[in-house]
């Protein structure tokens, strides 16, 4: 079985920092994250609602000078997305600045006046990668599926790959370089749930994780996960779990939904999954050409 990639990649970081700090923040994140520099807290809020953001970085000075009440509201609305304050000027160490940070709800302050501070920033944001629900899911599934064929693991890896976000079995099959009909028939013959069901539950794991942020509405989550509409998301939830989207939000966080995924789809089928070859090319079969797969 293949192991999880050791390369850490996290979602973009939204910043509201001083112009002179931007280049250093970019350099600190090289190979780990990319930054989206904003000029106002309203723009940061838009990022949080419309993009998959892993963290927010703000300057201490800007927290003091600009809309601290609005900053506090954003921090409260997105508790699962860490907000980090950068201390880069001696003038920002006064009591007023410290009080402003506390009032905004910001608990993490990194002093970047010394080179070690930039290393701390990188290390802190790197740890966020391990908290990402996709990585958590892959870690526990890696243990659950120990001994499964490599191509079976590739299927589950694709379900929770941050780089290969897909919404349909057709898209998933294309990413895995196999015909959709082949993928579905092999699951059917193995007497395990259909690929569509695994994919649908994986999307709900991500949805539950996003709902841990009260600042995200049902519409925001539906948009994040590429549902055609909030109504489509609601139908998806009702079909799979027989509850409304609002009830889903109140019932499941990311961890609980991941446990439901494992309990319903993985654990009862471990014997079959450990013998499943959903992608392997059999004698006399031809691998789906990449050019064809890209056109599907």
C-alpha atoms as a PDB file:
ATOM      1  CA  UNK A   1       0.000   0.000   0.000  1.00  0.00           C
ATOM      2  CA  UNK A   2       1.244   3.459  -0.701  1.00  0.00           C
ATOM      3  CA  UNK A   3       1.704   5.819   2.201  1.00  0.00           C
ATOM      4  CA  UNK A   4       0.481   9.349   2.501  1.00  0.00           C
ATOM      5  CA  UNK A   5       2.632  11.956   0.818  1.00  0.00           C
ATOM      6  CA  UNK A   6       5.058  13.632   3.172  1.00  0.00           C
ATOM      7  CA  UNK A   7       4.676  16.924   1.329  1.00  0.00           C
ATOM      8  CA  UNK A   8       2.561  19.357   3.318  1.00  0.00           C
ATOM      9  CA  UNK A   9       0.303  21.710   1.403  1.00  0.00           C
ATOM     10  CA  UNK A  10      -2.352  23.818   3.050  1.00  0.00           C
ATOM     11  CA  UNK A  11      -5.033  26.094   1.736  1.00  0.00           C
ATOM     12  CA  UNK A  12      -4.263  29.782   1.105  1.00  0.00           C
ATOM     13  CA  UNK A  13      -3.667  32.223   3.946  1.00  0.00           C
ATOM     14  CA  UNK A  14      -5.569  35.518   3.887  1.00  0.00           C
ATOM     15  CA  UNK A  15      -3.661  38.492   5.287  1.00  0.00           C
ATOM     16  CA  UNK A  16      -4.294  42.028   6.434  1.00  0.00           C
ATOM     17  CA  UNK A  17      -0.777  43.208   7.120  1.00  0.00           C
ATOM     18  CA  UNK A  18       1.489  46.168   6.493  1.00  0.00           C
ATOM     19  CA  UNK A  19       2.844  46.418   2.916  1.00  0.00           C
ATOM     20  CA  UNK A  20       6.421  46.068   4.201  1.00  0.00           C
ATOM     21  CA  UNK A  21       5.531  42.736   5.826  1.00  0.00           C
ATOM     22  CA  UNK A  22       4.070  41.089   2.759  1.00  0.00           C
ATOM     23  CA  UNK A  23       7.310  39.942   1.154  1.00  0.00           C
ATOM     24  CA  UNK A  24       8.553  38.357   4.384  1.00  0.00           C
ATOM     25  CA  UNK A  25       5.257  36.559   4.949  1.00  0.00           C
ATOM     26  CA  UNK A  26       5.404  35.248   1.376  1.00  0.00           C
ATOM     27  CA  UNK A  27       8.972  34.027   1.915  1.00  0.00           C
ATOM     28  CA  UNK A  28       8.073  32.302   5.188  1.00  0.00           C
ATOM     29  CA  UNK A  29       5.359  30.343   3.423  1.00  0.00           C
ATOM     30  CA  UNK A  30       7.362  29.245   0.395  1.00  0.00           C
ATOM     31  CA  UNK A  31       6.342  25.684  -0.500  1.00  0.00           C
ATOM     32  CA  UNK A  32       3.846  25.521   2.365  1.00  0.00           C
ATOM     33  CA  UNK A  33       1.090  27.995   1.596  1.00  0.00           C
ATOM     34  CA  UNK A  34       0.291  30.896  -0.689  1.00  0.00           C
ATOM     35  CA  UNK A  35      -0.866  34.239   0.586  1.00  0.00           C
ATOM     36  CA  UNK A  36      -3.814  36.365  -0.484  1.00  0.00           C
ATOM     37  CA  UNK A  37      -3.019  39.903   0.642  1.00  0.00           C
ATOM     38  CA  UNK A  38      -6.006  42.083   1.458  1.00  0.00           C
ATOM     39  CA  UNK A  39      -6.389  45.728   2.393  1.00  0.00           C
ATOM     40  CA  UNK A  40      -9.423  45.486   4.672  1.00  0.00           C
ATOM     41  CA  UNK A  41     -11.143  43.126   7.070  1.00  0.00           C
ATOM     42  CA  UNK A  42     -14.195  43.059   4.792  1.00  0.00           C
ATOM     43  CA  UNK A  43     -12.029  41.561   2.046  1.00  0.00           C
ATOM     44  CA  UNK A  44     -10.662  38.980   4.492  1.00  0.00           C
ATOM     45  CA  UNK A  45     -14.228  38.112   5.493  1.00  0.00           C
ATOM     46  CA  UNK A  46     -15.110  37.592   1.836  1.00  0.00           C
ATOM     47  CA  UNK A  47     -12.168  35.196   1.498  1.00  0.00           C
ATOM     48  CA  UNK A  48     -13.346  33.226   4.521  1.00  0.00           C
ATOM     49  CA  UNK A  49     -16.810  32.880   3.065  1.00  0.00           C
ATOM     50  CA  UNK A  50     -15.894  32.197  -0.548  1.00  0.00           C
ATOM     51  CA  UNK A  51     -12.530  30.413  -0.425  1.00  0.00           C
ATOM     52  CA  UNK A  52     -10.973  27.540   1.430  1.00  0.00           C
ATOM     53  CA  UNK A  53      -8.744  29.549   3.796  1.00  0.00           C
ATOM     54  CA  UNK A  54      -6.457  27.836   6.310  1.00  0.00           C
ATOM     55  CA  UNK A  55      -5.465  30.862   8.422  1.00  0.00           C
ATOM     56  CA  UNK A  56      -5.656  34.629   8.725  1.00  0.00           C
ATOM     57  CA  UNK A  57      -2.581  36.756   9.409  1.00  0.00           C
ATOM     58  CA  UNK A  58      -2.981  40.338  10.645  1.00  0.00           C
ATOM     59  CA  UNK A  59      -0.591  43.044  11.788  1.00  0.00           C
ATOM     60  CA  UNK A  60      -0.805  44.136  15.408  1.00  0.00           C
ATOM     61  CA  UNK A  61      -0.757  47.744  14.247  1.00  0.00           C
ATOM     62  CA  UNK A  62      -3.705  47.271  11.943  1.00  0.00           C
ATOM     63  CA  UNK A  63      -5.731  45.560  14.681  1.00  0.00           C
ATOM     64  CA  UNK A  64      -5.269  48.692  16.765  1.00  0.00           C
ATOM     65  CA  UNK A  65      -5.977  51.207  14.035  1.00  0.00           C
ATOM     66  CA  UNK A  66      -8.688  49.576  11.931  1.00  0.00           C
ATOM     67  CA  UNK A  67     -12.126  48.261  12.836  1.00  0.00           C
ATOM     68  CA  UNK A  68     -11.284  46.189  15.939  1.00  0.00           C
ATOM     69  CA  UNK A  69     -14.983  45.417  16.477  1.00  0.00           C
ATOM     70  CA  UNK A  70     -15.278  43.996  12.959  1.00  0.00           C
ATOM     71  CA  UNK A  71     -12.102  41.988  13.469  1.00  0.00           C
ATOM     72  CA  UNK A  72     -13.510  40.558  16.700  1.00  0.00           C
ATOM     73  CA  UNK A  73     -16.715  39.542  14.920  1.00  0.00           C
ATOM     74  CA  UNK A  74     -14.744  37.715  12.227  1.00  0.00           C
ATOM     75  CA  UNK A  75     -12.581  35.855  14.761  1.00  0.00           C
ATOM     76  CA  UNK A  76     -15.689  34.729  16.669  1.00  0.00           C
ATOM     77  CA  UNK A  77     -17.469  33.619  13.492  1.00  0.00           C
ATOM     78  CA  UNK A  78     -14.580  31.425  12.288  1.00  0.00           C
ATOM     79  CA  UNK A  79     -13.127  29.751  15.385  1.00  0.00           C
ATOM     80  CA  UNK A  80     -11.724  26.793  13.424  1.00  0.00           C
ATOM     81  CA  UNK A  81      -9.614  29.067  11.240  1.00  0.00           C
ATOM     82  CA  UNK A  82      -6.691  30.429  13.275  1.00  0.00           C
ATOM     83  CA  UNK A  83      -5.988  34.141  13.303  1.00  0.00           C
ATOM     84  CA  UNK A  84      -2.346  35.047  13.917  1.00  0.00           C
ATOM     85  CA  UNK A  85      -1.106  38.535  14.809  1.00  0.00           C
ATOM     86  CA  UNK A  86       2.375  39.610  13.697  1.00  0.00           C
ATOM     87  CA  UNK A  87       4.428  41.904  15.917  1.00  0.00           C
ATOM     88  CA  UNK A  88       6.941  43.605  13.661  1.00  0.00           C
ATOM     89  CA  UNK A  89       7.337  47.052  15.211  1.00  0.00           C
ATOM     90  CA  UNK A  90       8.505  48.098  18.660  1.00  0.00           C
ATOM     91  CA  UNK A  91       5.655  50.593  18.746  1.00  0.00           C
ATOM     92  CA  UNK A  92       3.124  47.751  18.723  1.00  0.00           C
ATOM     93  CA  UNK A  93       4.169  46.417  22.135  1.00  0.00           C
ATOM     94  CA  UNK A  94       2.301  49.004  24.173  1.00  0.00           C
ATOM     95  CA  UNK A  95      -0.620  48.195  26.447  1.00  0.00           C
ATOM     96  CA  UNK A  96      -3.148  49.552  23.948  1.00  0.00           C
ATOM     97  CA  UNK A  97      -2.022  47.093  21.291  1.00  0.00           C
ATOM     98  CA  UNK A  98      -2.094  44.105  23.655  1.00  0.00           C
ATOM     99  CA  UNK A  99      -5.562  45.073  24.888  1.00  0.00           C
ATOM    100  CA  UNK A 100      -6.804  45.447  21.299  1.00  0.00           C
ATOM    101  CA  UNK A 101      -5.640  41.917  20.452  1.00  0.00           C
ATOM    102  CA  UNK A 102      -7.404  40.495  23.483  1.00  0.00           C
ATOM    103  CA  UNK A 103     -10.600  42.346  22.672  1.00  0.00           C
ATOM    104  CA  UNK A 104     -10.492  40.971  19.124  1.00  0.00           C
ATOM    105  CA  UNK A 105     -10.218  37.414  20.424  1.00  0.00           C
ATOM    106  CA  UNK A 106      -6.785  36.884  18.888  1.00  0.00           C
ATOM    107  CA  UNK A 107      -4.776  34.532  21.094  1.00  0.00           C
ATOM    108  CA  UNK A 108      -1.708  33.902  18.957  1.00  0.00           C
ATOM    109  CA  UNK A 109       0.955  36.601  18.731  1.00  0.00           C
ATOM    110  CA  UNK A 110       4.230  35.988  16.906  1.00  0.00           C
ATOM    111  CA  UNK A 111       7.137  38.388  17.308  1.00  0.00           C
ATOM    112  CA  UNK A 112       8.824  38.601  13.900  1.00  0.00           C
ATOM    113  CA  UNK A 113      11.282  41.337  14.852  1.00  0.00           C
ATOM    114  CA  UNK A 114      13.831  38.528  15.131  1.00  0.00           C
ATOM    115  CA  UNK A 115      14.464  35.889  12.403  1.00  0.00           C
ATOM    116  CA  UNK A 116      13.252  33.089  14.693  1.00  0.00           C
ATOM    117  CA  UNK A 117       9.776  34.568  14.560  1.00  0.00           C
ATOM    118  CA  UNK A 118       9.365  33.754  10.891  1.00  0.00           C
ATOM    119  CA  UNK A 119      10.294  30.156  11.612  1.00  0.00           C
ATOM    120  CA  UNK A 120       7.635  30.053  14.337  1.00  0.00           C
ATOM    121  CA  UNK A 121       5.062  31.386  11.880  1.00  0.00           C
ATOM    122  CA  UNK A 122       5.897  28.697   9.362  1.00  0.00           C
ATOM    123  CA  UNK A 123       5.853  25.959  11.991  1.00  0.00           C
ATOM    124  CA  UNK A 124       2.492  27.100  13.357  1.00  0.00           C
ATOM    125  CA  UNK A 125       0.839  27.173   9.958  1.00  0.00           C
ATOM    126  CA  UNK A 126       2.465  23.871   9.032  1.00  0.00           C
ATOM    127  CA  UNK A 127       0.742  22.283  12.013  1.00  0.00           C
ATOM    128  CA  UNK A 128      -2.564  23.445  10.569  1.00  0.00           C
ATOM    129  CA  UNK A 129      -1.990  21.054   7.675  1.00  0.00           C
ATOM    130  CA  UNK A 130      -2.236  18.114  10.053  1.00  0.00           C
ATOM    131  CA  UNK A 131      -5.575  19.421  11.335  1.00  0.00           C
ATOM    132  CA  UNK A 132      -7.106  19.615   7.918  1.00  0.00           C
ATOM    133  CA  UNK A 133      -9.981  17.186   7.692  1.00  0.00           C
ATOM    134  CA  UNK A 134      -8.642  15.604   4.503  1.00  0.00           C
ATOM    135  CA  UNK A 135      -5.371  14.707   6.184  1.00  0.00           C
ATOM    136  CA  UNK A 136      -7.115  13.467   9.304  1.00  0.00           C
ATOM    137  CA  UNK A 137      -9.336  11.265   7.155  1.00  0.00           C
ATOM    138  CA  UNK A 138      -6.395   9.857   5.224  1.00  0.00           C
ATOM    139  CA  UNK A 139      -4.508   9.110   8.416  1.00  0.00           C
ATOM    140  CA  UNK A 140      -7.313   7.078  10.009  1.00  0.00           C
ATOM    141  CA  UNK A 141      -8.245   5.350   6.751  1.00  0.00           C
ATOM    142  CA  UNK A 142      -4.618   4.429   6.216  1.00  0.00           C
ATOM    143  CA  UNK A 143      -4.808   2.456   9.457  1.00  0.00           C
ATOM    144  CA  UNK A 144      -8.256   1.025   8.709  1.00  0.00           C
ATOM    145  CA  UNK A 145      -7.198  -0.215   5.277  1.00  0.00           C
ATOM    146  CA  UNK A 146      -3.796  -1.565   6.209  1.00  0.00           C
ATOM    147  CA  UNK A 147      -3.150  -4.530   3.940  1.00  0.00           C
ATOM    148  CA  UNK A 148      -5.534  -3.398   1.200  1.00  0.00           C
ATOM    149  CA  UNK A 149      -4.286  -3.403  -2.409  1.00  0.00           C
ATOM    150  CA  UNK A 150      -2.489  -0.301  -3.581  1.00  0.00           C
ATOM    151  CA  UNK A 151      -5.173   0.608  -6.102  1.00  0.00           C
ATOM    152  CA  UNK A 152      -7.888   0.330  -3.438  1.00  0.00           C
ATOM    153  CA  UNK A 153      -5.918   2.796  -1.319  1.00  0.00           C
ATOM    154  CA  UNK A 154      -5.579   5.085  -4.333  1.00  0.00           C
ATOM    155  CA  UNK A 155      -9.362   5.251  -4.539  1.00  0.00           C
ATOM    156  CA  UNK A 156      -9.700   6.385  -0.916  1.00  0.00           C
ATOM    157  CA  UNK A 157      -6.742   8.724  -1.275  1.00  0.00           C
ATOM    158  CA  UNK A 158      -8.512  10.399  -4.193  1.00  0.00           C
ATOM    159  CA  UNK A 159     -11.679  10.859  -2.114  1.00  0.00           C
ATOM    160  CA  UNK A 160      -9.805  12.983   0.411  1.00  0.00           C
ATOM    161  CA  UNK A 161      -7.162  14.569  -1.778  1.00  0.00           C
ATOM    162  CA  UNK A 162      -7.013  18.350  -1.441  1.00  0.00           C
ATOM    163  CA  UNK A 163      -5.534  18.524  -4.941  1.00  0.00           C
ATOM    164  CA  UNK A 164      -8.153  16.297  -6.612  1.00  0.00           C
ATOM    165  CA  UNK A 165     -11.455  17.699  -5.396  1.00  0.00           C
ATOM    166  CA  UNK A 166     -14.193  16.015  -7.426  1.00  0.00           C
ATOM    167  CA  UNK A 167     -17.993  16.035  -7.251  1.00  0.00           C
ATOM    168  CA  UNK A 168     -19.037  13.114  -9.469  1.00  0.00           C
ATOM    169  CA  UNK A 169     -17.985   9.524 -10.083  1.00  0.00           C
ATOM    170  CA  UNK A 170     -17.217  10.458 -13.674  1.00  0.00           C
ATOM    171  CA  UNK A 171     -14.731  13.084 -12.488  1.00  0.00           C
ATOM    172  CA  UNK A 172     -13.285  10.690  -9.931  1.00  0.00           C
ATOM    173  CA  UNK A 173     -12.832   7.942 -12.525  1.00  0.00           C
ATOM    174  CA  UNK A 174     -11.117  10.398 -14.847  1.00  0.00           C
ATOM    175  CA  UNK A 175      -8.664  11.349 -12.098  1.00  0.00           C
ATOM    176  CA  UNK A 176      -7.973   7.673 -11.452  1.00  0.00           C
ATOM    177  CA  UNK A 177      -7.545   6.923 -15.160  1.00  0.00           C
ATOM    178  CA  UNK A 178     -10.308   4.302 -15.320  1.00  0.00           C
ATOM    179  CA  UNK A 179     -13.670   4.122 -17.062  1.00  0.00           C
ATOM    180  CA  UNK A 180     -16.602   5.060 -14.778  1.00  0.00           C
ATOM    181  CA  UNK A 181     -18.419   1.860 -15.737  1.00  0.00           C
ATOM    182  CA  UNK A 182     -15.353  -0.210 -14.819  1.00  0.00           C
ATOM    183  CA  UNK A 183     -15.012   1.507 -11.466  1.00  0.00           C
ATOM    184  CA  UNK A 184     -18.686   1.003 -10.604  1.00  0.00           C
ATOM    185  CA  UNK A 185     -18.844  -2.612 -11.756  1.00  0.00           C
ATOM    186  CA  UNK A 186     -15.853  -3.646  -9.666  1.00  0.00           C
ATOM    187  CA  UNK A 187     -17.418  -2.216  -6.526  1.00  0.00           C
ATOM    188  CA  UNK A 188     -20.689  -3.949  -7.412  1.00  0.00           C
ATOM    189  CA  UNK A 189     -19.007  -7.324  -7.924  1.00  0.00           C
ATOM    190  CA  UNK A 190     -17.151  -6.939  -4.637  1.00  0.00           C
ATOM    191  CA  UNK A 191     -20.513  -6.379  -2.876  1.00  0.00           C
ATOM    192  CA  UNK A 192     -19.428  -3.105  -1.300  1.00  0.00           C
ATOM    193  CA  UNK A 193     -21.235   0.264  -1.488  1.00  0.00           C
ATOM    194  CA  UNK A 194     -21.043   2.074  -4.808  1.00  0.00           C
ATOM    195  CA  UNK A 195     -18.236   4.596  -5.449  1.00  0.00           C
ATOM    196  CA  UNK A 196     -20.914   7.292  -5.604  1.00  0.00           C
ATOM    197  CA  UNK A 197     -21.826   6.671  -1.980  1.00  0.00           C
ATOM    198  CA  UNK A 198     -18.226   6.863  -0.783  1.00  0.00           C
ATOM    199  CA  UNK A 199     -17.785  10.119  -2.676  1.00  0.00           C
ATOM    200  CA  UNK A 200     -21.042  11.560  -1.326  1.00  0.00           C
ATOM    201  CA  UNK A 201     -20.107  10.790   2.276  1.00  0.00           C
ATOM    202  CA  UNK A 202     -16.614  12.212   1.788  1.00  0.00           C
ATOM    203  CA  UNK A 203     -18.165  15.513   0.686  1.00  0.00           C
ATOM    204  CA  UNK A 204     -20.321  15.518   3.823  1.00  0.00           C
ATOM    205  CA  UNK A 205     -17.219  15.026   5.984  1.00  0.00           C
ATOM    206  CA  UNK A 206     -15.869  18.257   4.507  1.00  0.00           C
ATOM    207  CA  UNK A 207     -19.234  19.974   4.893  1.00  0.00           C
ATOM    208  CA  UNK A 208     -19.396  19.061   8.583  1.00  0.00           C
ATOM    209  CA  UNK A 209     -15.888  20.437   9.076  1.00  0.00           C
ATOM    210  CA  UNK A 210     -16.868  23.728   7.439  1.00  0.00           C
ATOM    211  CA  UNK A 211     -19.993  24.014   9.587  1.00  0.00           C
ATOM    212  CA  UNK A 212     -17.770  24.146  12.659  1.00  0.00           C
ATOM    213  CA  UNK A 213     -17.390  27.803  11.695  1.00  0.00           C
ATOM    214  CA  UNK A 214     -20.644  29.588  12.583  1.00  0.00           C
ATOM    215  CA  UNK A 215     -19.730  32.380  10.183  1.00  0.00           C
ATOM    216  CA  UNK A 216     -20.424  30.058   7.246  1.00  0.00           C
ATOM    217  CA  UNK A 217     -24.030  29.748   6.128  1.00  0.00           C
ATOM    218  CA  UNK A 218     -25.536  26.710   4.412  1.00  0.00           C
ATOM    219  CA  UNK A 219     -25.236  28.652   1.173  1.00  0.00           C
ATOM    220  CA  UNK A 220     -21.547  29.348   1.857  1.00  0.00           C
ATOM    221  CA  UNK A 221     -20.825  25.657   2.498  1.00  0.00           C
ATOM    222  CA  UNK A 222     -22.745  24.587  -0.599  1.00  0.00           C
ATOM    223  CA  UNK A 223     -20.685  27.054  -2.621  1.00  0.00           C
ATOM    224  CA  UNK A 224     -17.402  25.894  -1.042  1.00  0.00           C
ATOM    225  CA  UNK A 225     -18.122  22.301  -2.029  1.00  0.00           C
ATOM    226  CA  UNK A 226     -19.405  23.063  -5.546  1.00  0.00           C
ATOM    227  CA  UNK A 227     -23.023  22.069  -5.062  1.00  0.00           C
ATOM    228  CA  UNK A 228     -25.248  23.682  -7.655  1.00  0.00           C
ATOM    229  CA  UNK A 229     -27.329  25.394  -4.960  1.00  0.00           C
ATOM    230  CA  UNK A 230     -28.103  25.283  -1.226  1.00  0.00           C
ATOM    231  CA  UNK A 231     -31.223  23.316  -2.167  1.00  0.00           C
ATOM    232  CA  UNK A 232     -29.092  20.733  -3.949  1.00  0.00           C
ATOM    233  CA  UNK A 233     -26.918  20.409  -0.850  1.00  0.00           C
ATOM    234  CA  UNK A 234     -30.037  20.005   1.296  1.00  0.00           C
ATOM    235  CA  UNK A 235     -31.362  17.236  -0.956  1.00  0.00           C
ATOM    236  CA  UNK A 236     -27.971  15.530  -0.814  1.00  0.00           C
ATOM    237  CA  UNK A 237     -28.037  15.539   3.008  1.00  0.00           C
ATOM    238  CA  UNK A 238     -31.638  14.315   3.202  1.00  0.00           C
ATOM    239  CA  UNK A 239     -31.005  11.500   0.723  1.00  0.00           C
ATOM    240  CA  UNK A 240     -27.961  10.200   2.605  1.00  0.00           C
ATOM    241  CA  UNK A 241     -28.855  10.881   6.236  1.00  0.00           C
ATOM    242  CA  UNK A 242     -32.608  11.554   6.222  1.00  0.00           C
ATOM    243  CA  UNK A 243     -32.202  14.888   8.011  1.00  0.00           C
ATOM    244  CA  UNK A 244     -32.300  18.517   6.905  1.00  0.00           C
ATOM    245  CA  UNK A 245     -29.197  20.590   6.238  1.00  0.00           C
ATOM    246  CA  UNK A 246     -29.915  22.539   9.423  1.00  0.00           C
ATOM    247  CA  UNK A 247     -30.190  19.339  11.460  1.00  0.00           C
ATOM    248  CA  UNK A 248     -26.987  18.085   9.860  1.00  0.00           C
ATOM    249  CA  UNK A 249     -25.213  21.258  10.981  1.00  0.00           C
ATOM    250  CA  UNK A 250     -26.400  20.780  14.574  1.00  0.00           C
ATOM    251  CA  UNK A 251     -25.657  17.044  14.679  1.00  0.00           C
ATOM    252  CA  UNK A 252     -22.279  16.562  13.011  1.00  0.00           C
ATOM    253  CA  UNK A 253     -18.873  18.142  13.223  1.00  0.00           C
ATOM    254  CA  UNK A 254     -16.032  16.946  11.015  1.00  0.00           C
ATOM    255  CA  UNK A 255     -14.896  14.271  13.463  1.00  0.00           C
ATOM    256  CA  UNK A 256     -18.374  12.819  13.959  1.00  0.00           C
ATOM    257  CA  UNK A 257     -19.063  12.722  10.230  1.00  0.00           C
ATOM    258  CA  UNK A 258     -15.750  11.018   9.567  1.00  0.00           C
ATOM    259  CA  UNK A 259     -16.667   8.383  12.160  1.00  0.00           C
ATOM    260  CA  UNK A 260     -20.021   7.941  10.406  1.00  0.00           C
ATOM    261  CA  UNK A 261     -18.158   7.472   7.090  1.00  0.00           C
ATOM    262  CA  UNK A 262     -15.985   4.777   8.634  1.00  0.00           C
ATOM    263  CA  UNK A 263     -18.819   3.094  10.547  1.00  0.00           C
ATOM    264  CA  UNK A 264     -21.196   2.908   7.587  1.00  0.00           C
ATOM    265  CA  UNK A 265     -18.886   2.400   4.626  1.00  0.00           C
ATOM    266  CA  UNK A 266     -15.490   1.124   5.755  1.00  0.00           C
ATOM    267  CA  UNK A 267     -15.657  -1.064   8.851  1.00  0.00           C
ATOM    268  CA  UNK A 268     -18.511  -3.360   7.689  1.00  0.00           C
ATOM    269  CA  UNK A 269     -16.706  -3.949   4.387  1.00  0.00           C
ATOM    270  CA  UNK A 270     -13.095  -4.311   5.470  1.00  0.00           C
ATOM    271  CA  UNK A 271     -12.792  -7.902   4.281  1.00  0.00           C
ATOM    272  CA  UNK A 272     -14.002  -7.062   0.790  1.00  0.00           C
ATOM    273  CA  UNK A 273     -12.069  -3.793   0.585  1.00  0.00           C
ATOM    274  CA  UNK A 274      -8.834  -5.583   1.418  1.00  0.00           C
ATOM    275  CA  UNK A 275      -9.349  -7.712  -1.678  1.00  0.00           C
ATOM    276  CA  UNK A 276     -10.747  -5.000  -3.950  1.00  0.00           C
ATOM    277  CA  UNK A 277      -8.813  -4.009  -7.087  1.00  0.00           C
ATOM    278  CA  UNK A 278     -10.896  -1.132  -8.503  1.00  0.00           C
ATOM    279  CA  UNK A 279      -8.171   0.220 -10.796  1.00  0.00           C
ATOM    280  CA  UNK A 280      -5.896  -2.688 -11.688  1.00  0.00           C
ATOM    281  CA  UNK A 281      -5.586  -3.546 -15.381  1.00  0.00           C
ATOM    282  CA  UNK A 282      -6.436  -7.187 -15.979  1.00  0.00           C
ATOM    283  CA  UNK A 283      -4.940  -9.377 -18.721  1.00  0.00           C
ATOM    284  CA  UNK A 284      -6.471  -8.478 -22.070  1.00  0.00           C
ATOM    285  CA  UNK A 285      -7.671  -5.083 -20.816  1.00  0.00           C
ATOM    286  CA  UNK A 286      -6.350  -1.768 -22.021  1.00  0.00           C
ATOM    287  CA  UNK A 287      -5.604   1.099 -19.648  1.00  0.00           C
ATOM    288  CA  UNK A 288      -7.740   4.142 -20.310  1.00  0.00           C
ATOM    289  CA  UNK A 289      -5.571   6.594 -22.254  1.00  0.00           C
ATOM    290  CA  UNK A 290      -4.903   9.800 -20.345  1.00  0.00           C
ATOM    291  CA  UNK A 291      -5.977  11.859 -23.350  1.00  0.00           C
ATOM    292  CA  UNK A 292      -9.331  10.077 -23.372  1.00  0.00           C
ATOM    293  CA  UNK A 293      -9.732  10.397 -19.620  1.00  0.00           C
ATOM    294  CA  UNK A 294      -9.119  14.136 -19.790  1.00  0.00           C
ATOM    295  CA  UNK A 295     -11.854  14.473 -22.381  1.00  0.00           C
ATOM    296  CA  UNK A 296     -14.507  12.563 -20.408  1.00  0.00           C
END
